[in-house]
Amino acid sequence: MLDAETKKRIDSARNILVGKVPDPKSQVEQITIALIYKFMDDMDRQSEELGGKPAFFTGDFKNYRWAQLLDKRFSGHERLLLYAEGIEKMNHNENIPQLFRDIFKGVFLPYRDPETLNLFLKEIDNFTYEHSERLGDAFEYLLSVLGTQGDAGQFRTPRHIIDFNVAVVDPTKNDTVLDPACGTAGFLISAFKNIVNGGSALTPDERARLMTNFRGYDIAPDMVRLSRVNLYLHGFPNPTIHEYDTLTSEERWDERCDVIMANPPFMTPKGGIRPHNRFSIKAKRSEVLFVDYIAEHLTPSGRAGVIVPEGIIFQGQNAYKSLRRMLVQGYLWAVVSLPAGVFNPYSGVKTSILFMDRNLVKRTDHVLFVKIENDGFDLGAQRRPIEGGQLAEALAILERHKTTPEAQEGKMALTVPRSRLLESPDINLSGDRYRTAAVRHTGKWPMVRLGEVCTFEYGSSLPERNRVVGQYPVVGSNGIAGYHNSFIVKGPTIVIGRKGSAGEVNWIDDNCFPIDTTYFISLKLNEISLRYLFYTLQQLELTKLRVGA
């Protein structure tokens, strides 16, 4: 657990920088560089106290030692020049490990204010290098200030969603583990903790071997730097994180892993991705290619958990359908639907988790669908904790299905035969689509289909010559849009948006002119109440049927 004092110091360091370095990612980078700089000097000092010699700050780099930086004989300007020169030259220091040289590659001091640097270095001086879980937790807290990770369409994945994903996939000490879009290595850290904390204690040899089983790829150099530091501070002496474009490079294509977990980028650049030709699915969308990559790079007994945008679930283009067919046929055993606000405040995109297990799919003819409506936090920008979280219940359902993969249907869970999924023209992976609708007659009135009692008619375009102020409302997809001098529908009536606000249901008391972004409803039978129909349509939540923007 992160102790309050360490959290306070990290917040203080950020507050010192914020006036000169407003970008959160740059703040994280400056604190990261300073911490590693300080920790190298701490390790040299520990070596000297034990009768040894310094290993890092020797030769030409002796003058850049941390203690030298804080020498009160230096003026603020002299200290600034020495520190700026030190961090810029450090990647050429042959006395430090390649990991540290890579971390310092290309770094520089983005401000030239001696007073800011003085305060910042004094705050960093309060941190002491200890190869412990506490320091790793502190760095993870520092990383939590990051919002979007660059322009690659990645969002910081909430810790509880990462841990849930890892708990379901359940990597073991003998598994090789990969995140092909690793960001700051959150999935790798959680997987490592899950193995270390769950089950029998590891021998020193097993622990050392375990740390060689983890690897990550990321296209952004700053993310590679941060993930390496994160893993190092969690005990990895030489983290295996590669700066690598997973979708366009072939260098590592032939590598396979037992466990792959990721939250790949959701954004595709203008013009699409131009992948190499070894992908099974021919596509230009990044989310399609990443899921294909993950499936294809599992070992014969491999498992995966990947977060995907909702388009993967139902989009009708050929690439999406081909991907879903491939997954259902040989990889997919469960789909977990997450609430739409999981990534707030960075994005409101609706997401799901696809769970793959190449062994499990051979033992079951069904795919399990689990719908989580409460992940333990509200869906506002602050994501405050609330009661009624369903992650634990969802995990229990998934674990039961792993051991006893039988058909079931309940409020949260539903199993669907693979054959039924594959029979569907679009191979839709929305579980609710396959639920059995129960017809209940609870009153004296007969049940009829909606089309038997009313018609949905298009509104009309409004000629420009008629766009004058009048007495009749012009009705767009959001309701009243203005007034003009004629009407085409005698009110009262119901108007439903069919474009920008698709599915929104509005009640209009007066005669009106519904325009071509709407449907309006005409009754076929006098026996039904228009007002009752209005409330019924509202309960159908037609806004969920909208596709696209």
Protein backbone atom coordinates (compact mmCIF):
# COMPACT_ATOMS: atom_id res chain seq x y z
CA MET A 1 0.00 0.00 0.00
CA LEU A 2 1.12 3.55 -0.75
CA ASP A 3 1.86 5.37 2.51
CA ALA A 4 0.48 8.87 3.00
CA GLU A 5 3.89 10.51 3.41
CA THR A 6 5.22 9.19 0.08
CA LYS A 7 1.99 10.22 -1.69
CA LYS A 8 2.32 13.69 -0.18
CA ARG A 9 5.90 14.02 -1.46
CA ILE A 10 4.94 12.97 -4.99
CA ASP A 11 2.08 15.49 -5.00
CA SER A 12 4.47 18.16 -3.71
CA ALA A 13 7.01 17.45 -6.47
CA ARG A 14 4.28 17.79 -9.10
CA ASN A 15 2.99 21.01 -7.54
CA ILE A 16 6.50 22.49 -7.68
CA LEU A 17 6.79 21.69 -11.38
CA VAL A 18 3.29 22.57 -12.53
CA GLY A 19 4.04 26.29 -13.06
CA LYS A 20 6.96 25.55 -15.40
CA VAL A 21 5.94 22.10 -16.71
CA PRO A 22 2.13 22.09 -17.12
CA ASP A 23 1.90 18.82 -19.10
CA PRO A 24 1.30 15.86 -16.70
CA LYS A 25 3.34 13.48 -18.86
CA SER A 26 6.34 15.84 -18.75
CA GLN A 27 5.95 16.17 -14.98
CA VAL A 28 6.04 12.38 -14.64
CA GLU A 29 9.11 12.18 -16.86
CA GLN A 30 11.01 14.86 -14.88
CA ILE A 31 10.21 13.17 -11.56
CA THR A 32 11.18 9.78 -13.00
CA ILE A 33 14.55 11.06 -14.23
CA ALA A 34 15.28 12.77 -10.92
CA LEU A 35 14.35 9.67 -8.89
CA ILE A 36 16.60 7.39 -10.95
CA TYR A 37 19.41 9.96 -10.72
CA LYS A 38 19.02 10.07 -6.93
CA PHE A 39 18.68 6.28 -6.58
CA MET A 40 21.92 5.65 -8.49
CA ASP A 41 23.75 7.90 -6.05
CA ASP A 42 22.03 6.15 -3.12
CA MET A 43 23.33 2.80 -4.38
CA ASP A 44 26.86 4.23 -4.75
CA ARG A 45 26.68 5.54 -1.19
CA GLN A 46 25.45 2.16 0.12
CA SER A 47 28.38 0.48 -1.63
CA GLU A 48 30.84 2.89 -0.01
CA GLU A 49 29.31 2.35 3.44
CA LEU A 50 29.90 -1.39 3.00
CA GLY A 51 33.56 -0.82 2.14
CA GLY A 52 33.18 -0.93 -1.63
CA LYS A 53 33.55 1.66 -4.36
CA PRO A 54 30.96 3.72 -6.24
CA ALA A 55 29.82 2.07 -9.46
CA PHE A 56 27.84 4.75 -11.25
CA PHE A 57 29.30 8.19 -10.55
CA THR A 58 32.97 7.59 -11.26
CA GLY A 59 35.57 9.07 -13.60
CA ASP A 60 34.25 12.03 -15.59
CA PHE A 61 30.83 11.63 -13.96
CA LYS A 62 32.04 11.96 -10.37
CA ASN A 63 31.27 15.69 -10.37
CA TYR A 64 27.60 15.01 -11.13
CA ARG A 65 26.86 13.09 -7.92
CA TRP A 66 23.62 13.96 -6.17
CA ALA A 67 25.41 15.18 -3.05
CA GLN A 68 27.47 17.47 -5.27
CA LEU A 69 24.29 18.93 -6.77
CA LEU A 70 22.99 19.88 -3.31
CA ASP A 71 26.29 21.48 -2.20
CA LYS A 72 25.30 24.82 -0.68
CA ARG A 73 28.38 26.46 -2.14
CA PHE A 74 26.72 26.37 -5.57
CA SER A 75 24.52 29.25 -6.61
CA GLY A 76 21.10 28.41 -7.95
CA HIS A 77 22.24 29.11 -11.49
CA GLU A 78 25.36 26.92 -11.12
CA ARG A 79 23.26 24.08 -9.73
CA LEU A 80 20.81 24.35 -12.62
CA LEU A 81 23.63 24.19 -15.20
CA LEU A 82 25.23 21.19 -13.46
CA TYR A 83 21.95 19.23 -13.22
CA ALA A 84 20.90 20.02 -16.81
CA GLU A 85 24.33 18.94 -18.05
CA GLY A 86 24.29 15.80 -15.91
CA ILE A 87 20.93 14.45 -17.11
CA GLU A 88 21.74 15.23 -20.75
CA LYS A 89 25.11 13.41 -20.59
CA MET A 90 24.03 10.47 -18.44
CA ASN A 91 23.07 8.20 -21.34
CA HIS A 92 26.78 8.26 -22.32
CA ASN A 93 27.90 7.07 -18.87
CA GLU A 94 29.40 3.64 -19.55
CA ASN A 95 29.48 2.92 -15.81
CA ILE A 96 25.70 2.56 -15.54
CA PRO A 97 23.54 -0.35 -16.81
CA GLN A 98 22.07 -0.16 -20.31
CA LEU A 99 18.61 0.13 -18.72
CA PHE A 100 19.58 3.42 -17.07
CA ARG A 101 21.31 4.72 -20.18
CA ASP A 102 18.14 4.08 -22.15
CA ILE A 103 16.07 5.91 -19.52
CA PHE A 104 18.27 9.02 -19.86
CA LYS A 105 18.39 8.93 -23.64
CA GLY A 106 17.13 12.20 -25.12
CA VAL A 107 16.09 13.81 -21.82
CA PHE A 108 16.61 17.48 -21.01
CA LEU A 109 15.56 20.08 -18.45
CA PRO A 110 12.52 21.90 -19.93
CA TYR A 111 12.81 25.03 -17.76
CA ARG A 112 15.58 27.38 -16.62
CA ASP A 113 14.35 28.69 -13.29
CA PRO A 114 16.89 28.06 -10.46
CA GLU A 115 14.34 28.51 -7.68
CA THR A 116 11.99 25.88 -9.14
CA LEU A 117 14.88 23.43 -9.51
CA ASN A 118 16.09 24.09 -5.93
CA LEU A 119 12.67 23.29 -4.48
CA PHE A 120 12.27 20.26 -6.77
CA LEU A 121 15.66 18.72 -5.90
CA LYS A 122 15.03 19.20 -2.17
CA GLU A 123 11.72 17.32 -2.49
CA ILE A 124 13.32 14.49 -4.49
CA ASP A 125 16.06 14.29 -1.86
CA ASN A 126 13.42 13.04 0.60
CA PHE A 127 13.09 9.82 -1.42
CA THR A 128 15.51 7.02 -0.58
CA TYR A 129 16.21 4.05 -2.82
CA GLU A 130 14.77 0.88 -1.33
CA HIS A 131 14.14 -2.10 -3.61
CA SER A 132 10.69 -2.61 -2.16
CA GLU A 133 7.04 -2.91 -3.02
CA ARG A 134 6.37 0.43 -1.35
CA LEU A 135 8.51 2.31 -3.84
CA GLY A 136 6.86 0.52 -6.75
CA ASP A 137 3.43 1.50 -5.44
CA ALA A 138 4.65 5.09 -5.16
CA PHE A 139 5.69 5.09 -8.80
CA GLU A 140 2.36 3.59 -9.87
CA TYR A 141 0.63 6.43 -8.04
CA LEU A 142 2.83 8.87 -9.96
CA LEU A 143 1.83 7.21 -13.22
CA SER A 144 -1.85 7.50 -12.28
CA VAL A 145 -1.73 11.23 -13.01
CA LEU A 146 -1.39 10.38 -16.69
CA GLY A 147 -4.58 10.73 -18.69
CA THR A 148 -4.35 9.79 -22.33
CA GLN A 149 -1.04 8.25 -23.24
CA GLY A 150 0.11 10.43 -26.12
CA ASP A 151 -1.79 10.60 -29.38
CA ALA A 152 -1.93 6.84 -29.97
CA GLY A 153 -5.51 6.47 -28.72
CA GLN A 154 -4.54 4.71 -25.51
CA PHE A 155 -6.26 5.47 -22.22
CA ARG A 156 -4.92 4.70 -18.80
CA THR A 157 -6.68 1.50 -17.73
CA PRO A 158 -8.20 1.72 -14.23
CA ARG A 159 -6.31 -0.46 -11.74
CA HIS A 160 -9.38 -2.45 -10.67
CA ILE A 161 -10.17 -3.36 -14.29
CA ILE A 162 -6.57 -4.47 -14.86
CA ASP A 163 -6.66 -6.61 -11.70
CA PHE A 164 -10.02 -8.13 -12.71
CA ASN A 165 -8.65 -9.04 -16.13
CA VAL A 166 -5.53 -10.60 -14.60
CA ALA A 167 -7.59 -12.55 -12.04
CA VAL A 168 -9.67 -14.12 -14.82
CA VAL A 169 -6.69 -15.03 -17.05
CA ASP A 170 -4.72 -16.15 -13.96
CA PRO A 171 -1.09 -16.32 -15.20
CA THR A 172 1.20 -18.81 -13.46
CA LYS A 173 4.89 -18.78 -12.60
CA ASN A 174 5.72 -20.86 -15.67
CA ASP A 175 3.81 -18.72 -18.20
CA THR A 176 5.41 -16.27 -20.58
CA VAL A 177 3.42 -13.01 -20.37
CA LEU A 178 3.14 -10.28 -23.03
CA ASP A 179 1.44 -6.91 -23.35
CA PRO A 180 1.83 -5.79 -26.99
CA ALA A 181 0.65 -2.22 -26.19
CA CYS A 182 2.04 -1.94 -22.69
CA GLY A 183 1.93 1.80 -21.94
CA THR A 184 3.29 2.05 -18.39
CA ALA A 185 3.26 -1.75 -17.85
CA GLY A 186 0.17 -1.87 -15.63
CA PHE A 187 -0.93 -5.31 -16.88
CA LEU A 188 2.57 -6.76 -16.45
CA ILE A 189 2.88 -5.41 -12.89
CA SER A 190 -0.55 -6.77 -11.93
CA ALA A 191 0.25 -10.17 -13.45
CA PHE A 192 3.54 -10.29 -11.55
CA LYS A 193 1.80 -9.44 -8.25
CA ASN A 194 -0.92 -12.02 -8.93
CA ILE A 195 1.69 -14.76 -9.29
CA VAL A 196 3.85 -13.68 -6.35
CA ASN A 197 0.93 -13.19 -3.95
CA GLY A 198 -1.28 -16.10 -4.96
CA GLY A 199 -0.27 -19.54 -3.87
CA SER A 200 2.96 -21.17 -2.75
CA ALA A 201 6.04 -19.07 -2.08
CA LEU A 202 8.56 -18.80 -4.90
CA THR A 203 12.12 -19.99 -4.47
CA PRO A 204 14.85 -17.45 -5.35
CA ASP A 205 15.53 -19.34 -8.59
CA GLU A 206 11.82 -19.37 -9.50
CA ARG A 207 11.52 -15.65 -8.79
CA ALA A 208 14.57 -14.87 -10.93
CA ARG A 209 13.24 -17.03 -13.77
CA LEU A 210 9.79 -15.47 -13.44
CA MET A 211 11.19 -12.01 -14.16
CA THR A 212 12.52 -13.20 -17.50
CA ASN A 213 9.03 -14.35 -18.55
CA PHE A 214 7.55 -10.83 -18.88
CA ARG A 215 7.82 -8.62 -21.93
CA GLY A 216 6.07 -5.61 -23.36
CA TYR A 217 5.98 -3.58 -26.57
CA ASP A 218 5.09 0.06 -27.08
CA ILE A 219 5.46 2.41 -30.01
CA ALA A 220 6.14 5.51 -27.86
CA PRO A 221 9.67 6.01 -26.46
CA ASP A 222 8.39 7.85 -23.37
CA MET A 223 6.05 4.97 -22.52
CA VAL A 224 8.91 2.49 -22.95
CA ARG A 225 10.99 4.55 -20.53
CA LEU A 226 8.23 4.74 -17.92
CA SER A 227 7.35 1.05 -18.14
CA ARG A 228 11.00 0.05 -17.71
CA VAL A 229 11.27 2.20 -14.58
CA ASN A 230 7.98 0.82 -13.26
CA LEU A 231 9.15 -2.77 -13.66
CA TYR A 232 12.59 -1.98 -12.25
CA LEU A 233 11.06 -0.46 -9.13
CA HIS A 234 8.99 -3.63 -8.72
CA GLY A 235 12.11 -5.76 -8.59
CA PHE A 236 12.86 -6.50 -12.27
CA PRO A 237 16.64 -6.08 -12.67
CA ASN A 238 16.50 -5.94 -16.47
CA PRO A 239 12.93 -5.34 -17.77
CA THR A 240 12.22 -6.59 -21.28
CA ILE A 241 10.31 -3.71 -22.85
CA HIS A 242 10.84 -3.06 -26.54
CA GLU A 243 10.13 0.08 -28.51
CA TYR A 244 8.20 -1.72 -31.22
CA ASP A 245 5.32 -1.12 -33.61
CA THR A 246 3.25 -4.25 -33.09
CA LEU A 247 1.11 -3.74 -36.20
CA THR A 248 3.63 -2.80 -38.89
CA SER A 249 6.88 -4.51 -37.80
CA GLU A 250 7.62 -8.17 -38.51
CA GLU A 251 10.77 -8.52 -36.38
CA ARG A 252 8.99 -10.30 -33.49
CA TRP A 253 6.12 -11.87 -35.43
CA ASP A 254 7.25 -15.44 -34.84
CA GLU A 255 7.33 -15.08 -31.03
CA ARG A 256 4.46 -16.70 -29.08
CA CYS A 257 3.36 -16.31 -25.44
CA ASP A 258 1.28 -18.33 -22.98
CA VAL A 259 -0.56 -15.25 -21.68
CA ILE A 260 -1.32 -11.99 -23.48
CA MET A 261 -3.20 -9.13 -21.82
CA ALA A 262 -3.70 -5.65 -23.22
CA ASN A 263 -5.79 -2.55 -23.61
CA PRO A 264 -4.73 -1.72 -27.18
CA PRO A 265 -5.15 1.70 -28.80
CA PHE A 266 -8.71 2.40 -29.94
CA MET A 267 -7.79 5.15 -32.41
CA THR A 268 -6.90 4.54 -36.03
CA PRO A 269 -4.98 7.33 -37.82
CA LYS A 270 -6.48 8.98 -40.89
CA GLY A 271 -6.06 6.64 -43.83
CA GLY A 272 -5.90 3.58 -41.57
CA ILE A 273 -3.05 1.33 -40.45
CA ARG A 274 -0.80 -0.17 -43.12
CA PRO A 275 0.05 -3.56 -41.60
CA HIS A 276 2.36 -6.16 -43.10
CA ASN A 277 0.75 -9.09 -44.91
CA ARG A 278 1.15 -11.80 -42.26
CA PHE A 279 -2.10 -10.99 -40.43
CA SER A 280 -4.93 -13.48 -40.97
CA ILE A 281 -7.53 -10.70 -40.99
CA LYS A 282 -7.12 -8.08 -43.70
CA ALA A 283 -7.94 -4.79 -42.01
CA LYS A 284 -6.77 -1.22 -41.49
CA ARG A 285 -8.44 -0.63 -38.12
CA SER A 286 -6.05 -0.75 -35.17
CA GLU A 287 -8.48 -2.49 -32.79
CA VAL A 288 -9.15 -5.28 -35.31
CA LEU A 289 -5.46 -5.81 -36.00
CA PHE A 290 -4.50 -5.84 -32.31
CA VAL A 291 -7.11 -8.49 -31.43
CA ASP A 292 -6.01 -10.56 -34.43
CA TYR A 293 -2.38 -10.18 -33.33
CA ILE A 294 -3.16 -11.32 -29.79
CA ALA A 295 -5.10 -14.39 -30.95
CA GLU A 296 -2.44 -15.40 -33.46
CA HIS A 297 0.42 -15.03 -30.97
CA LEU A 298 -0.91 -17.33 -28.29
CA THR A 299 0.81 -20.66 -27.77
CA PRO A 300 -1.35 -23.78 -28.41
CA SER A 301 -2.49 -23.66 -24.77
CA GLY A 302 -2.42 -19.86 -24.50
CA ARG A 303 -4.86 -17.51 -22.74
CA ALA A 304 -5.67 -13.85 -23.23
CA GLY A 305 -7.75 -10.99 -21.88
CA VAL A 306 -8.07 -7.93 -24.11
CA ILE A 307 -10.14 -4.77 -23.66
CA VAL A 308 -11.90 -3.73 -26.87
CA PRO A 309 -14.18 -0.88 -27.98
CA GLU A 310 -17.80 -1.76 -28.64
CA GLY A 311 -17.29 -1.72 -32.41
CA ILE A 312 -15.50 -5.07 -32.20
CA ILE A 313 -18.71 -6.54 -30.78
CA PHE A 314 -21.14 -5.60 -33.55
CA GLN A 315 -19.64 -3.60 -36.45
CA GLY A 316 -20.79 -5.00 -39.78
CA GLN A 317 -17.75 -4.47 -42.01
CA ASN A 318 -16.15 -7.63 -43.36
CA ALA A 319 -12.96 -7.29 -41.29
CA TYR A 320 -14.95 -7.16 -38.02
CA LYS A 321 -17.11 -10.13 -39.00
CA SER A 322 -14.09 -12.17 -40.08
CA LEU A 323 -12.39 -11.42 -36.78
CA ARG A 324 -15.43 -12.46 -34.75
CA ARG A 325 -15.78 -15.68 -36.74
CA MET A 326 -12.13 -16.56 -36.11
CA LEU A 327 -12.47 -15.83 -32.39
CA VAL A 328 -15.68 -17.84 -31.93
CA GLN A 329 -14.31 -20.81 -33.84
CA GLY A 330 -11.07 -21.26 -31.94
CA TYR A 331 -10.27 -18.73 -29.21
CA LEU A 332 -13.16 -17.00 -27.42
CA TRP A 333 -14.71 -18.43 -24.26
CA ALA A 334 -16.16 -15.32 -22.59
CA VAL A 335 -17.22 -11.73 -23.32
CA VAL A 336 -17.56 -9.33 -20.39
CA SER A 337 -19.47 -6.10 -21.05
CA LEU A 338 -18.22 -3.12 -19.01
CA PRO A 339 -20.14 0.08 -18.14
CA ALA A 340 -19.78 2.92 -20.63
CA GLY A 341 -18.04 5.23 -18.15
CA VAL A 342 -15.16 2.97 -17.09
CA PHE A 343 -12.62 5.23 -18.83
CA ASN A 344 -14.02 8.52 -17.56
CA PRO A 345 -12.86 11.27 -17.53
CA TYR A 346 -10.63 10.41 -20.51
CA SER A 347 -13.27 8.79 -22.69
CA GLY A 348 -16.88 7.68 -22.50
CA VAL A 349 -16.31 4.88 -25.02
CA LYS A 350 -18.21 1.65 -24.29
CA THR A 351 -15.88 -1.31 -23.87
CA SER A 352 -15.88 -5.06 -23.31
CA ILE A 353 -13.24 -7.64 -22.39
CA LEU A 354 -12.66 -10.61 -24.68
CA PHE A 355 -11.29 -13.66 -22.87
CA MET A 356 -9.53 -16.32 -24.94
CA ASP A 357 -8.34 -19.78 -23.92
CA ARG A 358 -7.29 -22.21 -26.61
CA ASN A 359 -7.67 -25.23 -24.31
CA LEU A 360 -10.99 -24.23 -22.79
CA VAL A 361 -12.69 -23.67 -26.16
CA LYS A 362 -12.00 -27.33 -26.98
CA ARG A 363 -14.02 -28.38 -23.90
CA THR A 364 -17.12 -26.25 -24.37
CA ASP A 365 -19.58 -25.60 -27.17
CA HIS A 366 -20.74 -22.35 -25.56
CA VAL A 367 -19.49 -18.77 -25.17
CA LEU A 368 -20.22 -17.09 -21.85
CA PHE A 369 -21.55 -13.51 -21.81
CA VAL A 370 -21.34 -11.49 -18.59
CA LYS A 371 -22.79 -8.00 -18.26
CA ILE A 372 -21.34 -5.70 -15.57
CA GLU A 373 -23.41 -2.58 -14.91
CA ASN A 374 -21.62 -1.48 -11.71
CA ASP A 375 -17.84 -1.79 -11.45
CA GLY A 376 -17.77 -0.28 -7.96
CA PHE A 377 -17.46 3.35 -9.08
CA ASP A 378 -19.93 5.94 -10.32
CA LEU A 379 -19.79 6.88 -14.00
CA GLY A 380 -18.99 10.56 -13.49
CA ALA A 381 -15.71 12.30 -14.23
CA GLN A 382 -14.42 11.74 -10.68
CA ARG A 383 -15.26 7.99 -10.63
CA ARG A 384 -16.08 7.94 -6.92
CA PRO A 385 -16.48 4.55 -5.17
CA ILE A 386 -20.07 3.35 -4.76
CA GLU A 387 -21.75 0.28 -3.30
CA GLY A 388 -23.06 -2.63 -5.31
CA GLY A 389 -19.96 -3.38 -7.38
CA GLN A 390 -20.35 -6.55 -9.47
CA LEU A 391 -16.73 -7.43 -10.30
CA ALA A 392 -16.46 -10.08 -7.57
CA GLU A 393 -19.72 -11.72 -8.69
CA ALA A 394 -18.62 -11.61 -12.32
CA LEU A 395 -15.28 -13.21 -11.40
CA ALA A 396 -17.10 -16.02 -9.57
CA ILE A 397 -19.32 -16.67 -12.61
CA LEU A 398 -16.30 -16.80 -14.91
CA GLU A 399 -14.39 -19.13 -12.57
CA ARG A 400 -17.35 -21.53 -12.38
CA HIS A 401 -17.61 -21.60 -16.15
CA LYS A 402 -13.91 -22.47 -16.43
CA THR A 403 -14.38 -25.60 -14.33
CA THR A 404 -17.97 -26.47 -15.37
CA PRO A 405 -18.67 -24.93 -18.79
CA GLU A 406 -22.40 -25.66 -18.97
CA ALA A 407 -25.32 -23.68 -20.36
CA GLN A 408 -26.79 -21.00 -18.11
CA GLU A 409 -28.95 -17.89 -18.23
CA GLY A 410 -29.36 -15.34 -15.47
CA LYS A 411 -29.48 -11.61 -14.84
CA MET A 412 -25.73 -11.12 -15.26
CA ALA A 413 -24.73 -14.14 -17.32
CA LEU A 414 -25.80 -16.00 -20.42
CA THR A 415 -24.21 -18.82 -22.43
CA VAL A 416 -24.78 -19.04 -26.18
CA PRO A 417 -23.88 -22.05 -28.35
CA ARG A 418 -21.04 -21.35 -30.76
CA SER A 419 -23.19 -22.75 -33.55
CA ARG A 420 -25.85 -20.13 -32.87
CA LEU A 421 -23.27 -17.33 -32.90
CA LEU A 422 -21.83 -18.55 -36.18
CA GLU A 423 -25.31 -18.89 -37.75
CA SER A 424 -25.91 -15.18 -37.20
CA PRO A 425 -25.07 -13.25 -40.41
CA ASP A 426 -22.96 -10.69 -38.52
CA ILE A 427 -21.75 -13.01 -35.68
CA ASN A 428 -22.78 -10.34 -33.19
CA LEU A 429 -21.10 -10.65 -29.76
CA SER A 430 -23.69 -8.73 -27.75
CA GLY A 431 -25.07 -11.20 -25.21
CA ASP A 432 -28.45 -9.48 -24.80
CA ARG A 433 -29.20 -10.16 -28.45
CA TYR A 434 -29.44 -13.89 -27.72
CA ARG A 435 -31.62 -13.77 -24.62
CA THR A 436 -34.94 -15.56 -24.72
CA ALA A 437 -37.74 -13.02 -24.52
CA ALA A 438 -40.37 -14.12 -22.04
CA VAL A 439 -43.94 -13.08 -22.94
CA ARG A 440 -46.01 -12.34 -19.84
CA HIS A 441 -49.71 -11.58 -19.91
CA THR A 442 -50.37 -9.76 -16.66
CA GLY A 443 -53.49 -7.79 -17.56
CA LYS A 444 -56.79 -8.01 -19.42
CA TRP A 445 -55.48 -6.26 -22.54
CA PRO A 446 -54.17 -8.39 -25.44
CA MET A 447 -50.45 -8.29 -26.39
CA VAL A 448 -49.84 -7.01 -29.94
CA ARG A 449 -46.83 -6.14 -32.03
CA LEU A 450 -45.95 -2.45 -32.23
CA GLY A 451 -46.40 -2.46 -36.01
CA GLU A 452 -50.01 -3.60 -35.62
CA VAL A 453 -51.10 -0.41 -33.85
CA CYS A 454 -48.94 2.34 -35.34
CA THR A 455 -46.70 3.36 -38.24
CA PHE A 456 -43.34 5.11 -38.20
CA GLU A 457 -43.19 7.72 -41.00
CA TYR A 458 -40.31 9.92 -42.13
CA GLY A 459 -40.46 13.63 -41.55
CA SER A 460 -40.00 15.92 -44.56
CA SER A 461 -37.37 18.41 -45.58
CA LEU A 462 -38.55 21.97 -45.03
CA PRO A 463 -38.37 24.08 -48.24
CA GLU A 464 -36.34 27.21 -47.80
CA ARG A 465 -39.23 29.42 -48.96
CA ASN A 466 -41.27 28.20 -45.97
CA ARG A 467 -38.59 28.90 -43.38
CA VAL A 468 -40.32 31.94 -41.96
CA VAL A 469 -41.60 32.71 -38.50
CA GLY A 470 -45.07 31.27 -37.99
CA GLN A 471 -47.32 29.60 -35.44
CA TYR A 472 -46.48 25.90 -35.95
CA PRO A 473 -43.45 24.20 -34.38
CA VAL A 474 -40.67 22.75 -36.54
CA VAL A 475 -39.61 19.51 -34.87
CA GLY A 476 -36.05 18.18 -35.20
CA SER A 477 -34.46 15.17 -33.56
CA ASN A 478 -34.12 17.04 -30.26
CA GLY A 479 -37.68 18.35 -30.13
CA ILE A 480 -38.81 21.91 -30.94
CA ALA A 481 -36.42 23.66 -33.33
CA GLY A 482 -38.41 26.79 -34.26
CA TYR A 483 -41.71 27.92 -35.78
CA HIS A 484 -43.09 28.50 -39.30
CA ASN A 485 -46.39 29.02 -41.09
CA SER A 486 -47.61 25.52 -41.96
CA PHE A 487 -47.93 22.01 -40.51
CA ILE A 488 -47.97 18.47 -41.92
CA VAL A 489 -48.94 16.51 -38.80
CA LYS A 490 -51.98 17.22 -36.70
CA GLY A 491 -51.06 17.04 -33.03
CA PRO A 492 -50.72 15.68 -30.54
CA THR A 493 -48.05 13.33 -31.90
CA ILE A 494 -44.90 11.42 -30.99
CA VAL A 495 -41.63 12.30 -32.72
CA ILE A 496 -38.50 10.10 -32.61
CA GLY A 497 -35.04 11.25 -33.67
CA ARG A 498 -33.48 9.19 -36.44
CA LYS A 499 -30.13 10.98 -36.92
CA GLY A 500 -27.90 12.92 -34.49
CA SER A 501 -30.13 12.21 -31.47
CA ALA A 502 -31.30 8.87 -32.79
CA GLY A 503 -33.80 7.10 -30.55
CA GLU A 504 -34.86 10.10 -28.46
CA VAL A 505 -38.64 10.12 -27.96
CA ASN A 506 -40.49 13.48 -27.81
CA TRP A 507 -44.14 14.40 -27.18
CA ILE A 508 -45.61 17.27 -29.22
CA ASP A 509 -48.99 18.68 -28.17
CA ASP A 510 -49.56 20.98 -31.15
CA ASN A 511 -49.82 20.63 -34.90
CA CYS A 512 -46.26 20.44 -36.15
CA PHE A 513 -43.82 19.99 -39.02
CA PRO A 514 -41.45 17.05 -38.25
CA ILE A 515 -38.37 17.52 -40.44
CA ASP A 516 -36.30 14.81 -42.12
CA THR A 517 -34.12 14.03 -39.09
CA THR A 518 -37.16 12.47 -37.40
CA TYR A 519 -39.84 9.81 -37.55
CA PHE A 520 -43.39 10.64 -36.48
CA ILE A 521 -45.96 8.11 -35.34
CA SER A 522 -49.46 7.63 -36.71
CA LEU A 523 -51.94 5.33 -34.95
CA LYS A 524 -53.71 2.60 -36.91
CA LEU A 525 -56.25 1.80 -34.19
CA ASN A 526 -58.35 4.06 -32.00
CA GLU A 527 -58.26 1.55 -29.15
CA ILE A 528 -54.71 2.52 -28.08
CA SER A 529 -53.80 5.64 -26.13
CA LEU A 530 -51.16 7.78 -27.84
CA ARG A 531 -49.89 8.95 -24.43
CA TYR A 532 -49.54 5.31 -23.28
CA LEU A 533 -47.59 4.52 -26.45
CA PHE A 534 -45.30 7.50 -25.75
CA TYR A 535 -44.36 6.21 -22.30
CA THR A 536 -43.95 2.66 -23.64
CA LEU A 537 -41.51 3.83 -26.31
CA GLN A 538 -39.52 5.75 -23.71
CA GLN A 539 -39.12 2.55 -21.66
CA LEU A 540 -37.67 0.75 -24.69
CA GLU A 541 -34.50 2.92 -24.47
CA LEU A 542 -34.31 3.32 -28.23
CA THR A 543 -31.17 5.46 -27.87
CA LYS A 544 -29.22 2.22 -27.37
CA LEU A 545 -29.96 1.32 -31.00
CA ARG A 546 -27.97 4.21 -32.42
CA VAL A 547 -24.83 3.39 -34.44
CA GLY A 548 -21.97 5.84 -34.98
CA ALA A 549 -21.94 9.50 -33.99
